[in-house]
Amino acid sequence: MQIVVRLDVMLARRKMKSRELAERIGISEQNVSLLKSGKVKGIRFETLARICEVLQCQPGDLLEAEPTL
């Protein structure tokens, strides 16, 4: 099973730029970019909670499990 990050989709739905999200949750824009691309090995629950608070969503809206072929 593979975890896919759907942060880019939620940002588009909220009409928010990565820069704005980074400023509001207190991480660098580069780290937001890495999250969006799925090039991270993990995420702190605190960071995930802040993202969900700002985007008014649930963790399941940002992360999706896909079967590995």
Protein backbone atom coordinates (compact mmCIF):
# COMPACT_ATOMS: atom_id res chain seq x y z
CA MET A 1 0.00 0.00 0.00
CA GLN A 2 1.22 3.49 -0.84
CA ILE A 3 0.20 6.74 0.87
CA VAL A 4 -0.53 9.56 -1.58
CA VAL A 5 -0.57 13.20 -0.46
CA ARG A 6 -3.48 15.24 -1.86
CA LEU A 7 -2.42 18.59 -0.40
CA ASP A 8 -2.30 20.20 -3.86
CA VAL A 9 -5.94 19.25 -4.44
CA MET A 10 -7.06 20.76 -1.12
CA LEU A 11 -5.07 23.95 -1.73
CA ALA A 12 -6.76 24.33 -5.12
CA ARG A 13 -10.20 23.78 -3.57
CA ARG A 14 -9.48 26.45 -0.95
CA LYS A 15 -7.94 28.77 -3.58
CA MET A 16 -4.84 29.10 -1.42
CA LYS A 17 -1.22 29.36 -2.50
CA SER A 18 1.54 27.23 -0.94
CA ARG A 19 3.20 30.41 0.32
CA GLU A 20 0.12 31.45 2.27
CA LEU A 21 -0.26 27.99 3.81
CA ALA A 22 3.42 27.96 4.79
CA GLU A 23 3.12 31.34 6.49
CA ARG A 24 -0.05 30.37 8.36
CA ILE A 25 1.26 27.05 9.69
CA GLY A 26 4.82 28.19 10.38
CA ILE A 27 6.89 26.02 8.04
CA SER A 28 8.96 26.90 5.01
CA GLU A 29 7.43 27.09 1.55
CA GLN A 30 10.00 24.49 0.47
CA ASN A 31 8.63 22.02 3.05
CA VAL A 32 5.10 22.62 1.78
CA SER A 33 6.36 21.92 -1.72
CA LEU A 34 7.96 18.67 -0.57
CA LEU A 35 4.69 17.66 1.11
CA LYS A 36 2.70 18.43 -2.03
CA SER A 37 5.01 16.33 -4.16
CA GLY A 38 4.92 13.41 -1.74
CA LYS A 39 8.71 13.44 -1.38
CA VAL A 40 8.62 13.23 2.41
CA LYS A 41 9.01 10.14 4.57
CA GLY A 42 6.77 11.43 7.34
CA ILE A 43 4.88 14.36 8.81
CA ARG A 44 4.46 15.43 12.41
CA PHE A 45 0.94 15.14 13.74
CA GLU A 46 1.24 18.72 14.98
CA THR A 47 1.99 19.93 11.43
CA LEU A 48 -0.81 17.82 9.99
CA ALA A 49 -3.23 19.24 12.57
CA ARG A 50 -2.22 22.83 11.71
CA ILE A 51 -2.66 22.16 7.99
CA CYS A 52 -6.12 20.70 8.64
CA GLU A 53 -7.05 23.66 10.83
CA VAL A 54 -6.02 26.23 8.21
CA LEU A 55 -7.61 24.33 5.30
CA GLN A 56 -10.66 23.35 7.37
CA CYS A 57 -10.39 19.68 6.45
CA GLN A 58 -9.69 16.25 7.92
CA PRO A 59 -6.42 14.27 7.59
CA GLY A 60 -8.24 11.86 5.28
CA ASP A 61 -8.83 14.73 2.87
CA LEU A 62 -5.05 15.14 2.54
CA LEU A 63 -3.80 11.55 2.69
CA GLU A 64 -5.04 8.60 0.66
CA ALA A 65 -3.94 4.96 0.67
CA GLU A 66 -3.56 3.40 -2.76
CA PRO A 67 -2.83 -0.28 -3.39
CA THR A 68 0.61 -1.02 -4.78
CA LEU A 69 0.53 -2.97 -8.04
